[in-house]
Amino acid sequence: MKLKILKIILIILIFPKHVFSNTSYFEEGINLFKINKFDEAKFKFEQDIVFNPKNELSYLYLSKIFKNLNKIDLQEQNLKTVILLNPKNEEAIYNLAKLKLDTSDYKKSKELNEQLITLCNNFCSQGKKLKKEIEILSKK
């Protein structure tokens, strides 16, 4: 009986600290990202993903970090994960369309941009500009 009570007390004491300790990983990552400490921010976003595997924003910020580090494959992988988690994430769709355009995949860029224009809440003007850019570059 004493052992059960001791276990319950330990769980009560440890669990809240565990929960509160990992909720700040994302915020810490944002703060580090804002001051261009990309390696440290990357680690914080990865920690957040361990505890919150469906946090699309951590994947989105990882994609931004990989863009800054010029790691195109990892940038694309994280953008695809964001879109998998939230198919209506306009920023991820826009960034992936831009990435595809930069890698001369005009067809995929056009498809993604059409998807973006269909959703069009926050990235309407960027989508229209990207459409023109795709048209110009695909004709060359």
Protein backbone atom coordinates (compact mmCIF):
# COMPACT_ATOMS: atom_id res chain seq x y z
CA MET A 1 0.00 0.00 0.00
CA LYS A 2 2.79 2.43 0.89
CA LEU A 3 4.48 1.64 -2.41
CA LYS A 4 1.33 2.53 -4.38
CA ILE A 5 0.97 5.81 -2.50
CA LEU A 6 4.64 6.60 -3.11
CA LYS A 7 4.22 5.89 -6.85
CA ILE A 8 1.16 8.13 -7.04
CA ILE A 9 2.96 10.96 -5.25
CA LEU A 10 5.95 10.63 -7.57
CA ILE A 11 3.72 10.68 -10.64
CA ILE A 12 1.90 13.77 -9.38
CA LEU A 13 5.19 15.53 -8.67
CA ILE A 14 6.99 14.52 -11.86
CA PHE A 15 4.19 14.63 -14.44
CA PRO A 16 3.36 18.35 -14.28
CA LYS A 17 7.03 19.26 -14.54
CA HIS A 18 7.32 16.98 -17.54
CA VAL A 19 4.29 18.53 -19.23
CA PHE A 20 5.33 22.10 -18.52
CA SER A 21 8.94 21.48 -19.48
CA ASN A 22 8.15 20.48 -23.06
CA THR A 23 5.45 23.03 -23.84
CA SER A 24 8.01 25.79 -24.26
CA TYR A 25 10.16 24.06 -26.90
CA PHE A 26 8.21 25.65 -29.74
CA GLU A 27 8.37 29.15 -28.22
CA GLU A 28 12.09 28.74 -27.55
CA GLY A 29 12.55 27.65 -31.16
CA ILE A 30 10.71 30.74 -32.41
CA ASN A 31 12.87 33.03 -30.29
CA LEU A 32 16.07 31.37 -31.50
CA PHE A 33 14.85 31.47 -35.12
CA LYS A 34 14.19 35.21 -34.87
CA ILE A 35 17.82 35.85 -33.90
CA ASN A 36 19.14 33.52 -36.63
CA LYS A 37 20.40 30.80 -34.29
CA PHE A 38 19.22 28.15 -36.71
CA ASP A 39 21.01 25.09 -35.30
CA GLU A 40 19.68 25.76 -31.80
CA ALA A 41 16.20 26.58 -33.12
CA LYS A 42 16.22 23.39 -35.19
CA PHE A 43 16.91 21.37 -32.06
CA LYS A 44 14.05 23.04 -30.18
CA PHE A 45 11.57 22.43 -33.01
CA GLU A 46 12.68 18.80 -33.18
CA GLN A 47 12.15 18.52 -29.43
CA ASP A 48 8.67 19.97 -29.85
CA ILE A 49 7.89 17.42 -32.55
CA VAL A 50 8.86 14.59 -30.21
CA PHE A 51 6.16 15.72 -27.78
CA ASN A 52 3.75 17.22 -30.35
CA PRO A 53 4.20 15.20 -33.56
CA LYS A 54 1.24 16.92 -35.24
CA ASN A 55 2.47 20.48 -34.69
CA GLU A 56 2.57 21.65 -38.27
CA LEU A 57 4.23 24.92 -37.27
CA SER A 58 7.34 23.17 -35.99
CA TYR A 59 7.70 21.45 -39.37
CA LEU A 60 7.08 24.76 -41.12
CA TYR A 61 9.84 26.46 -39.16
CA LEU A 62 12.15 23.51 -39.78
CA SER A 63 11.55 24.02 -43.50
CA LYS A 64 12.49 27.69 -43.13
CA ILE A 65 15.66 26.73 -41.28
CA PHE A 66 16.61 24.22 -43.96
CA LYS A 67 15.98 26.88 -46.60
CA ASN A 68 18.43 29.17 -44.82
CA LEU A 69 20.92 26.31 -44.54
CA ASN A 70 20.41 25.54 -48.25
CA LYS A 71 19.27 21.97 -47.55
CA ILE A 72 16.64 21.73 -50.26
CA ASP A 73 15.67 18.08 -49.72
CA LEU A 74 15.02 18.61 -46.02
CA GLN A 75 13.15 21.82 -46.73
CA GLU A 76 10.89 19.98 -49.17
CA GLN A 77 10.38 17.06 -46.81
CA ASN A 78 9.22 19.34 -44.01
CA LEU A 79 6.93 21.35 -46.28
CA LYS A 80 5.31 18.12 -47.48
CA THR A 81 4.81 17.10 -43.85
CA VAL A 82 3.09 20.41 -43.09
CA ILE A 83 0.76 19.91 -46.06
CA LEU A 84 0.09 16.33 -45.00
CA LEU A 85 -0.88 17.53 -41.52
CA ASN A 86 -2.85 20.50 -42.83
CA PRO A 87 -3.66 20.49 -46.55
CA LYS A 88 -4.91 24.09 -46.24
CA ASN A 89 -1.67 25.59 -44.91
CA GLU A 90 -1.20 28.32 -47.49
CA GLU A 91 2.30 29.28 -46.42
CA ALA A 92 3.56 25.72 -46.84
CA ILE A 93 1.86 25.34 -50.22
CA TYR A 94 3.29 28.67 -51.38
CA ASN A 95 6.80 27.82 -50.14
CA LEU A 96 6.70 24.39 -51.79
CA ALA A 97 5.43 25.91 -55.05
CA LYS A 98 8.31 28.43 -54.91
CA LEU A 99 10.78 25.64 -54.19
CA LYS A 100 9.49 23.60 -57.12
CA LEU A 101 9.74 26.64 -59.36
CA ASP A 102 13.34 27.24 -58.21
CA THR A 103 14.18 23.63 -59.09
CA SER A 104 12.54 24.00 -62.53
CA ASP A 105 9.62 21.68 -61.77
CA TYR A 106 7.13 23.99 -63.47
CA LYS A 107 4.33 21.46 -63.65
CA LYS A 108 4.32 20.75 -59.91
CA SER A 109 4.78 24.42 -59.10
CA LYS A 110 1.75 25.27 -61.23
CA GLU A 111 -0.36 22.55 -59.55
CA LEU A 112 0.58 23.78 -56.09
CA ASN A 113 -0.08 27.38 -57.04
CA GLU A 114 -3.52 26.47 -58.39
CA GLN A 115 -4.22 24.76 -55.07
CA LEU A 116 -3.03 27.90 -53.26
CA ILE A 117 -5.24 30.20 -55.35
CA THR A 118 -8.23 27.93 -54.63
CA LEU A 119 -7.68 28.31 -50.87
CA CYS A 120 -6.66 31.98 -51.06
CA ASN A 121 -7.08 33.58 -47.66
CA ASN A 122 -3.69 34.97 -46.71
CA PHE A 123 -1.46 34.32 -49.71
CA CYS A 124 -3.68 35.59 -52.54
CA SER A 125 -1.34 38.26 -53.86
CA GLN A 126 1.70 35.98 -53.57
CA GLY A 127 -0.17 33.27 -55.45
CA LYS A 128 -1.04 35.66 -58.28
CA LYS A 129 2.56 36.87 -58.54
CA LEU A 130 3.80 33.29 -58.51
CA LYS A 131 1.35 32.36 -61.27
CA LYS A 132 2.84 35.07 -63.51
CA GLU A 133 6.37 33.98 -62.61
CA ILE A 134 5.56 30.33 -63.45
CA GLU A 135 4.07 31.35 -66.80
CA ILE A 136 7.12 33.43 -67.71
CA LEU A 137 9.68 30.85 -66.66
CA SER A 138 7.87 27.85 -68.18
CA LYS A 139 7.86 29.53 -71.62
CA LYS A 140 11.66 29.94 -71.69
